[in-house]
Amino acid sequence: QVQLVESGGGLVQAGGSLRLSCKAPRMILSTFSGTDVEWYRQAPGKQREMVAAITSNRVTNYPDSVKGRFTISRNNGKRTVDLQMNSLKPEDTAVYSCHTRMPNYWGQGTQVTVSS
């Protein structure tokens, strides 16, 4: 059964924006509210890297490569975690996946392609 569903990927020109959404439709509200959630990306031939994280207390963390451009947020009532991506660059092209820490679930991913 699919536990996490990502949406919002697509093709955008450099400098543009996309908003990704990760939804956990089957997760009990208390479980979702209590787990940390992360967005990862993996480009062809590269290792998967974390691009944004948000704790159950809404503390956020970003690597330097996306800091100031990406923003993660969560809506526990809707069981969603969104990733707002601005000032996109061609090097942001990758498959983006969301992950919940507890339970350990991964989404199937959504493709983001940034053209130069």
C-alpha atoms as a PDB file:
ATOM      1  CA  GLN A   1       0.000   0.000   0.000  1.00  0.00           C
ATOM      2  CA  VAL A   2       1.199   3.468  -0.838  1.00  0.00           C
ATOM      3  CA  GLN A   3       1.730   5.392   2.386  1.00  0.00           C
ATOM      4  CA  LEU A   4       3.124   8.658   1.047  1.00  0.00           C
ATOM      5  CA  VAL A   5       2.065  10.371  -2.152  1.00  0.00           C
ATOM      6  CA  GLU A   6       4.065  13.184  -3.722  1.00  0.00           C
ATOM      7  CA  SER A   7       2.730  15.649  -6.258  1.00  0.00           C
ATOM      8  CA  GLY A   8       3.672  18.933  -7.874  1.00  0.00           C
ATOM      9  CA  GLY A   9       6.701  18.017  -9.921  1.00  0.00           C
ATOM     10  CA  GLY A  10       7.182  19.116 -13.492  1.00  0.00           C
ATOM     11  CA  LEU A  11       9.247  21.081 -15.964  1.00  0.00           C
ATOM     12  CA  VAL A  12      10.206  24.664 -15.179  1.00  0.00           C
ATOM     13  CA  GLN A  13      12.710  27.178 -16.524  1.00  0.00           C
ATOM     14  CA  ALA A  14      15.670  28.262 -14.478  1.00  0.00           C
ATOM     15  CA  GLY A  15      14.653  30.959 -12.035  1.00  0.00           C
ATOM     16  CA  GLY A  16      11.147  29.584 -11.758  1.00  0.00           C
ATOM     17  CA  SER A  17       9.276  28.021  -8.856  1.00  0.00           C
ATOM     18  CA  LEU A  18       7.531  24.771  -8.022  1.00  0.00           C
ATOM     19  CA  ARG A  19       5.650  23.597  -4.980  1.00  0.00           C
ATOM     20  CA  LEU A  20       5.802  19.923  -4.081  1.00  0.00           C
ATOM     21  CA  SER A  21       3.358  18.268  -1.741  1.00  0.00           C
ATOM     22  CA  CYS A  22       3.666  15.052   0.243  1.00  0.00           C
ATOM     23  CA  LYS A  23       0.487  13.556   1.608  1.00  0.00           C
ATOM     24  CA  ALA A  24       0.048  10.675   4.050  1.00  0.00           C
ATOM     25  CA  PRO A  25      -3.598   9.769   3.514  1.00  0.00           C
ATOM     26  CA  ARG A  26      -3.531   6.545   5.550  1.00  0.00           C
ATOM     27  CA  MET A  27      -1.554   7.786   8.540  1.00  0.00           C
ATOM     28  CA  ILE A  28      -3.254   8.370  11.863  1.00  0.00           C
ATOM     29  CA  LEU A  29      -3.201  12.072  12.704  1.00  0.00           C
ATOM     30  CA  SER A  30      -1.294  11.624  15.944  1.00  0.00           C
ATOM     31  CA  THR A  31       1.357   9.553  14.190  1.00  0.00           C
ATOM     32  CA  PHE A  32       1.806  12.110  11.427  1.00  0.00           C
ATOM     33  CA  SER A  33       1.916  14.997  13.867  1.00  0.00           C
ATOM     34  CA  GLY A  34       4.598  13.272  15.891  1.00  0.00           C
ATOM     35  CA  THR A  35       7.015  12.356  13.140  1.00  0.00           C
ATOM     36  CA  ASP A  36       9.816  14.273  11.489  1.00  0.00           C
ATOM     37  CA  VAL A  37       9.459  14.546   7.719  1.00  0.00           C
ATOM     38  CA  GLU A  38      12.158  15.053   5.123  1.00  0.00           C
ATOM     39  CA  TRP A  39      12.399  15.751   1.417  1.00  0.00           C
ATOM     40  CA  TYR A  40      15.189  14.071  -0.497  1.00  0.00           C
ATOM     41  CA  ARG A  41      16.292  14.239  -4.091  1.00  0.00           C
ATOM     42  CA  GLN A  42      18.301  12.012  -6.342  1.00  0.00           C
ATOM     43  CA  ALA A  43      19.710  13.026  -9.680  1.00  0.00           C
ATOM     44  CA  PRO A  44      20.933  10.481 -12.247  1.00  0.00           C
ATOM     45  CA  GLY A  45      24.340   9.127 -11.277  1.00  0.00           C
ATOM     46  CA  LYS A  46      24.340  10.945  -7.933  1.00  0.00           C
ATOM     47  CA  GLN A  47      23.691   9.949  -4.362  1.00  0.00           C
ATOM     48  CA  ARG A  48      20.409  10.787  -2.709  1.00  0.00           C
ATOM     49  CA  GLU A  49      20.609  13.966  -0.642  1.00  0.00           C
ATOM     50  CA  MET A  50      18.330  15.529   1.917  1.00  0.00           C
ATOM     51  CA  VAL A  51      17.116  18.942   0.820  1.00  0.00           C
ATOM     52  CA  ALA A  52      14.728  19.873   3.633  1.00  0.00           C
ATOM     53  CA  ALA A  53      13.572  18.539   6.967  1.00  0.00           C
ATOM     54  CA  ILE A  54      10.905  19.543   9.455  1.00  0.00           C
ATOM     55  CA  THR A  55      10.518  18.118  12.924  1.00  0.00           C
ATOM     56  CA  SER A  56       7.306  17.456  14.787  1.00  0.00           C
ATOM     57  CA  ASN A  57       7.975  20.784  16.531  1.00  0.00           C
ATOM     58  CA  ARG A  58       8.332  22.515  13.145  1.00  0.00           C
ATOM     59  CA  VAL A  59      12.055  23.068  13.425  1.00  0.00           C
ATOM     60  CA  THR A  60      13.438  23.148   9.886  1.00  0.00           C
ATOM     61  CA  ASN A  61      16.815  22.287   8.401  1.00  0.00           C
ATOM     62  CA  TYR A  62      18.305  22.775   4.945  1.00  0.00           C
ATOM     63  CA  PRO A  63      21.656  22.092   3.321  1.00  0.00           C
ATOM     64  CA  ASP A  64      23.579  25.073   2.004  1.00  0.00           C
ATOM     65  CA  SER A  65      22.765  24.108  -1.578  1.00  0.00           C
ATOM     66  CA  VAL A  66      19.092  25.079  -1.167  1.00  0.00           C
ATOM     67  CA  LYS A  67      19.092  27.373   1.865  1.00  0.00           C
ATOM     68  CA  GLY A  68      17.243  30.577   1.124  1.00  0.00           C
ATOM     69  CA  ARG A  69      15.545  29.077  -1.934  1.00  0.00           C
ATOM     70  CA  PHE A  70      13.568  26.118  -0.527  1.00  0.00           C
ATOM     71  CA  THR A  71      11.008  26.244   2.278  1.00  0.00           C
ATOM     72  CA  ILE A  72       9.433  23.238   3.965  1.00  0.00           C
ATOM     73  CA  SER A  73       6.146  23.462   5.827  1.00  0.00           C
ATOM     74  CA  ARG A  74       3.612  21.073   7.280  1.00  0.00           C
ATOM     75  CA  ASN A  75      -0.131  20.984   7.803  1.00  0.00           C
ATOM     76  CA  ASN A  76      -0.829  18.225  10.276  1.00  0.00           C
ATOM     77  CA  GLY A  77      -4.582  18.501   9.899  1.00  0.00           C
ATOM     78  CA  LYS A  78      -4.238  17.726   6.203  1.00  0.00           C
ATOM     79  CA  ARG A  79      -1.385  15.267   6.771  1.00  0.00           C
ATOM     80  CA  THR A  80       0.750  17.120   4.252  1.00  0.00           C
ATOM     81  CA  VAL A  81       4.266  18.450   4.059  1.00  0.00           C
ATOM     82  CA  ASP A  82       4.991  20.921   1.279  1.00  0.00           C
ATOM     83  CA  LEU A  83       8.261  22.005  -0.288  1.00  0.00           C
ATOM     84  CA  GLN A  84       8.254  25.445  -1.888  1.00  0.00           C
ATOM     85  CA  MET A  85      11.157  25.727  -4.322  1.00  0.00           C
ATOM     86  CA  ASN A  86      12.103  29.146  -5.680  1.00  0.00           C
ATOM     87  CA  SER A  87      14.919  30.404  -7.893  1.00  0.00           C
ATOM     88  CA  LEU A  88      15.312  26.927  -9.328  1.00  0.00           C
ATOM     89  CA  LYS A  89      18.530  25.972 -11.057  1.00  0.00           C
ATOM     90  CA  PRO A  90      19.287  23.249 -13.611  1.00  0.00           C
ATOM     91  CA  GLU A  91      21.260  21.435 -10.909  1.00  0.00           C
ATOM     92  CA  ASP A  92      18.022  21.065  -8.915  1.00  0.00           C
ATOM     93  CA  THR A  93      16.834  18.581 -11.528  1.00  0.00           C
ATOM     94  CA  ALA A  94      16.133  15.270  -9.769  1.00  0.00           C
ATOM     95  CA  VAL A  95      13.476  12.925  -8.486  1.00  0.00           C
ATOM     96  CA  TYR A  96      12.167  14.336  -5.217  1.00  0.00           C
ATOM     97  CA  SER A  97      10.825  11.993  -2.540  1.00  0.00           C
ATOM     98  CA  CYS A  98       9.418  12.509   0.913  1.00  0.00           C
ATOM     99  CA  HIS A  99      10.220  10.397   3.941  1.00  0.00           C
ATOM    100  CA  THR A 100       8.703  10.047   7.382  1.00  0.00           C
ATOM    101  CA  ARG A 101      11.048   9.051  10.207  1.00  0.00           C
ATOM    102  CA  MET A 102       8.593   7.133  12.347  1.00  0.00           C
ATOM    103  CA  PRO A 103       7.206   5.109  10.760  1.00  0.00           C
ATOM    104  CA  ASN A 104       9.921   4.746   8.149  1.00  0.00           C
ATOM    105  CA  TYR A 105       7.980   5.410   4.953  1.00  0.00           C
ATOM    106  CA  TRP A 106       9.100   6.635   1.561  1.00  0.00           C
ATOM    107  CA  GLY A 107       7.058   8.081  -1.231  1.00  0.00           C
ATOM    108  CA  GLN A 108       7.459   7.012  -4.845  1.00  0.00           C
ATOM    109  CA  GLY A 109       8.912  10.334  -5.925  1.00  0.00           C
ATOM    110  CA  THR A 110       8.078  13.119  -8.320  1.00  0.00           C
ATOM    111  CA  GLN A 111      10.290  14.359 -11.149  1.00  0.00           C
ATOM    112  CA  VAL A 112      11.503  17.945 -11.149  1.00  0.00           C
ATOM    113  CA  THR A 113      13.257  19.159 -14.288  1.00  0.00           C
ATOM    114  CA  VAL A 114      14.750  22.644 -14.533  1.00  0.00           C
ATOM    115  CA  SER A 115      15.743  23.810 -17.994  1.00  0.00           C
ATOM    116  CA  SER A 116      18.458  26.382 -18.598  1.00  0.00           C
END
